[in-house]
Structures are given as structure tokens and as C-alpha cells.
């Protein structure tokens, strides 16, 4: 396993690396991997956020989302669009519908997110 290419040996390619079992060298290896493969460091503001998700605020000016996060809001958008469609059609929404649309997956979709994402 190599951090960068060598003779006839490709560099370590996965985007996700499980660092368990590496022990005391974990931090050094992580820093070298990020530097050599992605030309970035673990300094504040250069890596993705800590996994927490900012709640989109309805009516906020500018970008309501954390642009440093790798997270996608596709599940929330799908949930909100389906809820809006059901409401406009006058259909009742069941808990099975909510589960199928991803509304109940963790973290569950909140009304403020729907307002910010699809205006519903």
C-alpha cells in the first residue's frame, strides 16, 4: 500500500480509508495521504465539516448550507417535493409514504429544511 505511485505500483486510490489498527502512525499517515493525494491538510477550513449538518434556515439570505460539507440534500429534497405534491393533490400521507420518501431516515427532515430547499 503506497500513498503515491511508484514503479508499476499505483497509488492508494480509495476515497474512504479505514484507519483502524494503524496505531500511533494514524495521524501522520492521514496527514500524508491528504497532502499527497488531494493537496490539502487537516488545517481548519480545508477539510469537510465534522459531520454535523447545518439546518437550512427559511428566508435566509445567501447560501443556507455548509458548503464545506460532503453531504447531499437529495433525500431531504425528495421528501419535501413528495410532501408538497401530496398536499397539493389533497392526498393523505401515510407513515409508509414518509418512510419510502426518506423523510424519517436519520436525521429526519424538518419543516425548516423543506422551506429552505423547496419553498414548501
N, C-alpha and C. Protein backbone atom coordinates (compact mmCIF):
# COMPACT_ATOMS: atom_id res chain seq x y z
N UNK A 1 0.86 -1.17 0.00
CA UNK A 1 0.00 0.00 0.00
C UNK A 1 0.89 1.23 0.00
N UNK A 2 0.67 2.15 -0.94
CA UNK A 2 1.51 3.33 -1.07
C UNK A 2 0.64 4.59 -1.12
N UNK A 3 1.18 5.69 -0.63
CA UNK A 3 0.47 6.95 -0.68
C UNK A 3 0.58 7.62 -2.04
N UNK A 4 1.62 7.33 -2.77
CA UNK A 4 1.78 7.88 -4.11
C UNK A 4 2.35 6.81 -5.03
N UNK A 5 2.24 7.01 -6.35
CA UNK A 5 2.69 5.98 -7.29
C UNK A 5 4.19 5.76 -7.22
N UNK A 6 4.54 4.54 -7.47
CA UNK A 6 5.94 4.13 -7.59
C UNK A 6 6.03 3.25 -8.82
N UNK A 7 7.18 2.73 -9.09
CA UNK A 7 7.35 1.87 -10.26
C UNK A 7 6.30 0.77 -10.32
N UNK A 8 5.52 0.81 -11.38
CA UNK A 8 4.49 -0.20 -11.66
C UNK A 8 3.53 -0.45 -10.51
N UNK A 9 3.47 0.42 -9.53
CA UNK A 9 2.53 0.27 -8.42
C UNK A 9 1.70 1.54 -8.30
N UNK A 10 0.40 1.41 -8.49
CA UNK A 10 -0.44 2.61 -8.41
C UNK A 10 -0.55 3.11 -6.97
N UNK A 11 -0.91 4.35 -6.86
CA UNK A 11 -1.14 4.94 -5.54
C UNK A 11 -2.40 4.35 -4.93
N UNK A 12 -2.52 4.51 -3.64
CA UNK A 12 -3.72 4.10 -2.93
C UNK A 12 -4.88 4.93 -3.47
N UNK A 13 -5.90 4.29 -4.03
CA UNK A 13 -6.96 5.01 -4.71
C UNK A 13 -8.26 5.26 -3.97
N UNK A 14 -8.61 4.56 -2.95
CA UNK A 14 -9.95 4.75 -2.40
C UNK A 14 -10.13 6.14 -1.80
N UNK A 15 -11.36 6.65 -1.89
CA UNK A 15 -11.68 7.92 -1.27
C UNK A 15 -11.90 7.72 0.23
N UNK A 16 -12.41 6.57 0.60
CA UNK A 16 -12.66 6.27 2.00
C UNK A 16 -11.62 5.27 2.48
N UNK A 17 -10.96 5.61 3.56
CA UNK A 17 -9.92 4.76 4.11
C UNK A 17 -10.25 4.48 5.57
N UNK A 18 -10.22 3.22 5.95
CA UNK A 18 -10.47 2.83 7.34
C UNK A 18 -9.12 2.78 8.06
N UNK A 19 -8.95 3.66 9.03
CA UNK A 19 -7.65 3.83 9.67
C UNK A 19 -7.47 2.96 10.91
N UNK A 20 -8.41 2.12 11.27
CA UNK A 20 -8.30 1.32 12.49
C UNK A 20 -7.11 0.37 12.42
N UNK A 21 -6.48 0.16 13.52
CA UNK A 21 -5.39 -0.78 13.61
C UNK A 21 -4.04 -0.21 13.20
N UNK A 22 -4.00 1.03 12.79
CA UNK A 22 -2.73 1.62 12.38
C UNK A 22 -1.94 2.13 13.58
N UNK A 23 -2.64 2.41 14.67
CA UNK A 23 -1.97 2.82 15.90
C UNK A 23 -1.43 4.24 15.86
N UNK A 24 -0.24 4.41 16.41
CA UNK A 24 0.33 5.75 16.58
C UNK A 24 0.65 6.45 15.26
N UNK A 25 0.78 5.71 14.19
CA UNK A 25 1.10 6.30 12.89
C UNK A 25 -0.13 6.84 12.16
N UNK A 26 -1.31 6.65 12.76
CA UNK A 26 -2.56 7.03 12.10
C UNK A 26 -2.58 8.51 11.69
N UNK A 27 -2.25 9.40 12.60
CA UNK A 27 -2.30 10.83 12.30
C UNK A 27 -1.30 11.19 11.20
N UNK A 28 -0.09 10.70 11.32
CA UNK A 28 0.92 11.00 10.31
C UNK A 28 0.48 10.47 8.94
N UNK A 29 -0.01 9.23 8.91
CA UNK A 29 -0.43 8.63 7.65
C UNK A 29 -1.61 9.40 7.05
N UNK A 30 -2.55 9.81 7.88
CA UNK A 30 -3.69 10.58 7.40
C UNK A 30 -3.23 11.90 6.79
N UNK A 31 -2.36 12.60 7.50
CA UNK A 31 -1.87 13.89 7.01
C UNK A 31 -1.12 13.73 5.68
N UNK A 32 -0.29 12.73 5.58
CA UNK A 32 0.47 12.49 4.35
C UNK A 32 -0.46 12.10 3.20
N UNK A 33 -1.45 11.27 3.49
CA UNK A 33 -2.41 10.85 2.47
C UNK A 33 -3.16 12.06 1.91
N UNK A 34 -3.67 12.92 2.79
CA UNK A 34 -4.40 14.10 2.34
C UNK A 34 -3.51 15.04 1.54
N UNK A 35 -2.29 15.22 2.01
CA UNK A 35 -1.37 16.13 1.34
C UNK A 35 -0.98 15.62 -0.04
N UNK A 36 -0.60 14.36 -0.14
CA UNK A 36 -0.10 13.83 -1.41
C UNK A 36 -1.19 13.53 -2.42
N UNK A 37 -2.33 13.05 -1.95
CA UNK A 37 -3.39 12.68 -2.89
C UNK A 37 -4.32 13.83 -3.25
N UNK A 38 -4.60 14.72 -2.29
CA UNK A 38 -5.60 15.75 -2.52
C UNK A 38 -5.06 17.17 -2.36
N UNK A 39 -3.76 17.28 -2.11
CA UNK A 39 -3.12 18.57 -1.93
C UNK A 39 -3.86 19.42 -0.90
N UNK A 40 -4.22 18.81 0.21
CA UNK A 40 -4.90 19.52 1.30
C UNK A 40 -4.33 19.05 2.62
N UNK A 41 -4.70 19.73 3.69
CA UNK A 41 -4.23 19.37 5.02
C UNK A 41 -5.43 19.27 5.95
N UNK A 42 -5.15 18.96 7.20
CA UNK A 42 -6.21 18.88 8.19
C UNK A 42 -6.41 20.22 8.89
N UNK A 43 -5.82 21.29 8.37
CA UNK A 43 -5.98 22.62 8.96
C UNK A 43 -7.44 23.05 8.89
N UNK A 44 -7.83 23.89 9.80
CA UNK A 44 -9.21 24.36 9.86
C UNK A 44 -9.64 24.97 8.53
N UNK A 45 -10.81 24.57 8.07
CA UNK A 45 -11.37 25.14 6.86
C UNK A 45 -10.96 24.46 5.56
N UNK A 46 -10.08 23.47 5.61
CA UNK A 46 -9.67 22.83 4.36
C UNK A 46 -10.29 21.47 4.17
N UNK A 47 -10.72 20.82 5.22
CA UNK A 47 -11.39 19.53 5.11
C UNK A 47 -12.88 19.72 5.29
N UNK A 48 -13.64 18.68 5.07
CA UNK A 48 -15.09 18.74 5.23
C UNK A 48 -15.44 19.01 6.67
N UNK A 49 -16.65 19.44 6.88
CA UNK A 49 -17.11 19.73 8.23
C UNK A 49 -17.11 18.46 9.07
N UNK A 50 -17.37 18.61 10.34
CA UNK A 50 -17.25 17.49 11.28
C UNK A 50 -18.42 16.53 11.24
N UNK A 51 -19.21 16.58 10.20
CA UNK A 51 -20.33 15.65 10.08
C UNK A 51 -21.64 16.21 10.58
N UNK A 52 -21.60 17.34 11.26
CA UNK A 52 -22.85 17.94 11.69
C UNK A 52 -23.46 18.66 10.51
N UNK A 53 -24.74 18.76 10.50
CA UNK A 53 -25.45 19.35 9.38
C UNK A 53 -26.09 20.64 9.83
N UNK A 54 -25.78 21.73 9.16
CA UNK A 54 -26.44 23.00 9.45
C UNK A 54 -27.87 22.91 8.96
N UNK A 55 -28.80 23.41 9.78
CA UNK A 55 -30.19 23.42 9.37
C UNK A 55 -30.41 24.57 8.42
N UNK A 56 -30.91 24.32 7.24
CA UNK A 56 -31.20 25.42 6.34
C UNK A 56 -32.25 26.32 6.97
N UNK A 57 -32.04 27.59 6.96
CA UNK A 57 -32.99 28.50 7.58
C UNK A 57 -33.85 29.13 6.51
N UNK A 58 -35.14 29.08 6.71
CA UNK A 58 -36.07 29.63 5.74
C UNK A 58 -35.89 31.14 5.67
N UNK A 59 -35.88 31.65 4.46
CA UNK A 59 -35.81 33.09 4.27
C UNK A 59 -34.45 33.69 4.54
N UNK A 60 -33.43 32.88 4.68
CA UNK A 60 -32.10 33.43 4.94
C UNK A 60 -31.50 33.95 3.65
N UNK A 61 -30.65 34.93 3.78
CA UNK A 61 -30.02 35.46 2.57
C UNK A 61 -28.77 34.66 2.28
N UNK A 62 -28.49 34.44 1.00
CA UNK A 62 -27.29 33.72 0.62
C UNK A 62 -27.44 32.23 0.79
N UNK A 63 -26.33 31.55 0.84
CA UNK A 63 -26.30 30.10 0.94
C UNK A 63 -26.58 29.66 2.36
N UNK A 64 -27.66 28.91 2.57
CA UNK A 64 -28.04 28.49 3.92
C UNK A 64 -27.35 27.21 4.33
N UNK A 65 -26.55 26.62 3.44
CA UNK A 65 -25.96 25.34 3.73
C UNK A 65 -24.46 25.47 3.92
N UNK A 66 -23.88 24.52 4.63
CA UNK A 66 -22.44 24.49 4.85
C UNK A 66 -21.78 23.99 3.58
N UNK A 67 -21.10 24.86 2.85
CA UNK A 67 -20.51 24.47 1.57
C UNK A 67 -19.30 23.56 1.74
N UNK A 68 -18.78 23.42 2.97
CA UNK A 68 -17.63 22.56 3.19
C UNK A 68 -18.04 21.11 3.41
N UNK A 69 -19.30 20.85 3.56
CA UNK A 69 -19.78 19.50 3.84
C UNK A 69 -19.88 18.69 2.57
N UNK A 70 -19.59 17.39 2.67
CA UNK A 70 -19.75 16.49 1.53
C UNK A 70 -21.17 15.94 1.45
N UNK A 71 -21.99 16.30 2.39
CA UNK A 71 -23.34 15.76 2.45
C UNK A 71 -24.19 16.24 1.29
N UNK A 72 -25.16 15.43 0.91
CA UNK A 72 -26.11 15.78 -0.14
C UNK A 72 -27.47 15.97 0.51
N UNK A 73 -28.24 16.88 -0.03
CA UNK A 73 -29.59 17.11 0.48
C UNK A 73 -30.64 16.46 -0.43
N UNK A 74 -30.22 15.51 -1.25
CA UNK A 74 -31.13 14.86 -2.19
C UNK A 74 -32.29 14.17 -1.47
N UNK A 75 -31.99 13.50 -0.37
CA UNK A 75 -33.05 12.80 0.37
C UNK A 75 -34.07 13.80 0.90
N UNK A 76 -33.60 14.90 1.46
CA UNK A 76 -34.50 15.91 2.00
C UNK A 76 -35.34 16.55 0.89
N UNK A 77 -34.72 16.83 -0.25
CA UNK A 77 -35.46 17.41 -1.37
C UNK A 77 -36.54 16.45 -1.86
N UNK A 78 -36.18 15.18 -1.97
CA UNK A 78 -37.17 14.17 -2.40
C UNK A 78 -38.34 14.13 -1.44
N UNK A 79 -38.05 14.10 -0.15
CA UNK A 79 -39.11 14.07 0.86
C UNK A 79 -40.00 15.30 0.73
N UNK A 80 -39.40 16.47 0.69
CA UNK A 80 -40.17 17.71 0.65
C UNK A 80 -41.01 17.84 -0.61
N UNK A 81 -40.45 17.46 -1.75
CA UNK A 81 -41.21 17.53 -3.01
C UNK A 81 -42.41 16.59 -2.98
N UNK A 82 -42.22 15.38 -2.45
CA UNK A 82 -43.32 14.43 -2.36
C UNK A 82 -44.38 14.90 -1.38
N UNK A 83 -43.97 15.49 -0.26
CA UNK A 83 -44.94 16.02 0.70
C UNK A 83 -45.74 17.15 0.08
N UNK A 84 -45.06 18.04 -0.64
CA UNK A 84 -45.74 19.16 -1.29
C UNK A 84 -46.72 18.65 -2.34
N UNK A 85 -46.29 17.68 -3.15
CA UNK A 85 -47.16 17.13 -4.17
C UNK A 85 -48.40 16.49 -3.56
N UNK A 86 -48.22 15.73 -2.50
CA UNK A 86 -49.36 15.09 -1.83
C UNK A 86 -50.31 16.14 -1.26
N UNK A 87 -49.75 17.19 -0.69
CA UNK A 87 -50.59 18.26 -0.13
C UNK A 87 -51.39 18.97 -1.22
N UNK A 88 -50.73 19.29 -2.34
CA UNK A 88 -51.42 19.98 -3.44
C UNK A 88 -52.49 19.10 -4.08
N UNK A 89 -52.27 17.77 -4.09
CA UNK A 89 -53.26 16.84 -4.65
C UNK A 89 -54.35 16.47 -3.66
N UNK A 90 -54.21 16.92 -2.41
CA UNK A 90 -55.20 16.61 -1.38
C UNK A 90 -55.13 15.19 -0.88
N UNK A 91 -54.00 14.52 -1.11
CA UNK A 91 -53.84 13.13 -0.66
C UNK A 91 -53.37 13.07 0.79
N UNK A 92 -53.83 12.04 1.49
CA UNK A 92 -53.33 11.78 2.83
C UNK A 92 -51.96 11.12 2.72
N UNK A 93 -51.06 11.47 3.61
CA UNK A 93 -49.71 10.89 3.62
C UNK A 93 -49.63 9.90 4.77
N UNK A 94 -49.23 8.68 4.46
CA UNK A 94 -49.11 7.65 5.49
C UNK A 94 -47.67 7.60 6.00
N UNK A 95 -47.50 6.90 7.11
CA UNK A 95 -46.13 6.74 7.63
C UNK A 95 -45.28 5.92 6.66
N UNK A 96 -45.91 5.02 5.90
CA UNK A 96 -45.18 4.26 4.89
C UNK A 96 -44.68 5.17 3.77
N UNK A 97 -45.52 6.14 3.37
CA UNK A 97 -45.09 7.12 2.37
C UNK A 97 -43.87 7.88 2.89
N UNK A 98 -43.98 8.36 4.12
CA UNK A 98 -42.89 9.15 4.72
C UNK A 98 -41.59 8.33 4.77
N UNK A 99 -41.71 7.07 5.13
CA UNK A 99 -40.52 6.22 5.21
C UNK A 99 -39.95 5.97 3.82
N UNK A 100 -40.81 5.73 2.84
CA UNK A 100 -40.36 5.46 1.47
C UNK A 100 -39.67 6.67 0.86
N UNK A 101 -40.15 7.85 1.17
CA UNK A 101 -39.58 9.08 0.63
C UNK A 101 -38.30 9.51 1.36
N UNK A 102 -37.98 8.83 2.45
CA UNK A 102 -36.76 9.18 3.19
C UNK A 102 -36.95 10.25 4.25
N UNK A 103 -38.17 10.62 4.53
CA UNK A 103 -38.43 11.68 5.50
C UNK A 103 -38.05 11.28 6.92
N UNK A 104 -38.09 9.99 7.21
CA UNK A 104 -37.89 9.51 8.56
C UNK A 104 -36.47 9.00 8.82
N UNK A 105 -35.65 8.94 7.78
CA UNK A 105 -34.27 8.48 7.97
C UNK A 105 -33.53 9.49 8.84
N UNK A 106 -32.47 9.05 9.49
CA UNK A 106 -31.75 9.93 10.39
C UNK A 106 -30.78 10.82 9.64
N UNK A 107 -30.72 12.09 9.93
CA UNK A 107 -31.67 12.83 10.76
C UNK A 107 -32.94 13.10 9.98
N UNK A 108 -34.08 13.07 10.68
CA UNK A 108 -35.35 13.26 9.97
C UNK A 108 -35.43 14.66 9.36
N UNK A 109 -36.24 14.77 8.32
CA UNK A 109 -36.42 16.04 7.63
C UNK A 109 -37.32 16.94 8.47
N UNK A 110 -36.90 18.19 8.62
CA UNK A 110 -37.67 19.16 9.41
C UNK A 110 -38.36 20.15 8.49
N UNK A 111 -39.38 20.79 9.01
CA UNK A 111 -40.16 21.78 8.23
C UNK A 111 -39.27 22.91 7.73
N UNK A 112 -38.33 23.37 8.54
CA UNK A 112 -37.44 24.46 8.14
C UNK A 112 -36.59 24.05 6.93
N UNK A 113 -36.19 22.78 6.87
CA UNK A 113 -35.43 22.30 5.72
C UNK A 113 -36.27 22.33 4.46
N UNK A 114 -37.52 21.88 4.56
CA UNK A 114 -38.40 21.90 3.39
C UNK A 114 -38.61 23.32 2.90
N UNK A 115 -38.79 24.23 3.82
CA UNK A 115 -39.00 25.63 3.45
C UNK A 115 -37.78 26.18 2.71
N UNK A 116 -36.59 25.88 3.19
CA UNK A 116 -35.37 26.37 2.58
C UNK A 116 -35.03 25.66 1.27
N UNK A 117 -35.36 24.38 1.17
CA UNK A 117 -34.98 23.61 0.00
C UNK A 117 -35.94 23.75 -1.17
N UNK A 118 -37.23 23.69 -0.88
CA UNK A 118 -38.21 23.70 -1.98
C UNK A 118 -39.29 24.77 -1.80
N UNK A 119 -39.19 25.54 -0.75
CA UNK A 119 -40.17 26.60 -0.53
C UNK A 119 -41.54 26.10 -0.20
N UNK A 120 -41.62 24.93 0.41
CA UNK A 120 -42.94 24.37 0.76
C UNK A 120 -43.10 24.26 2.24
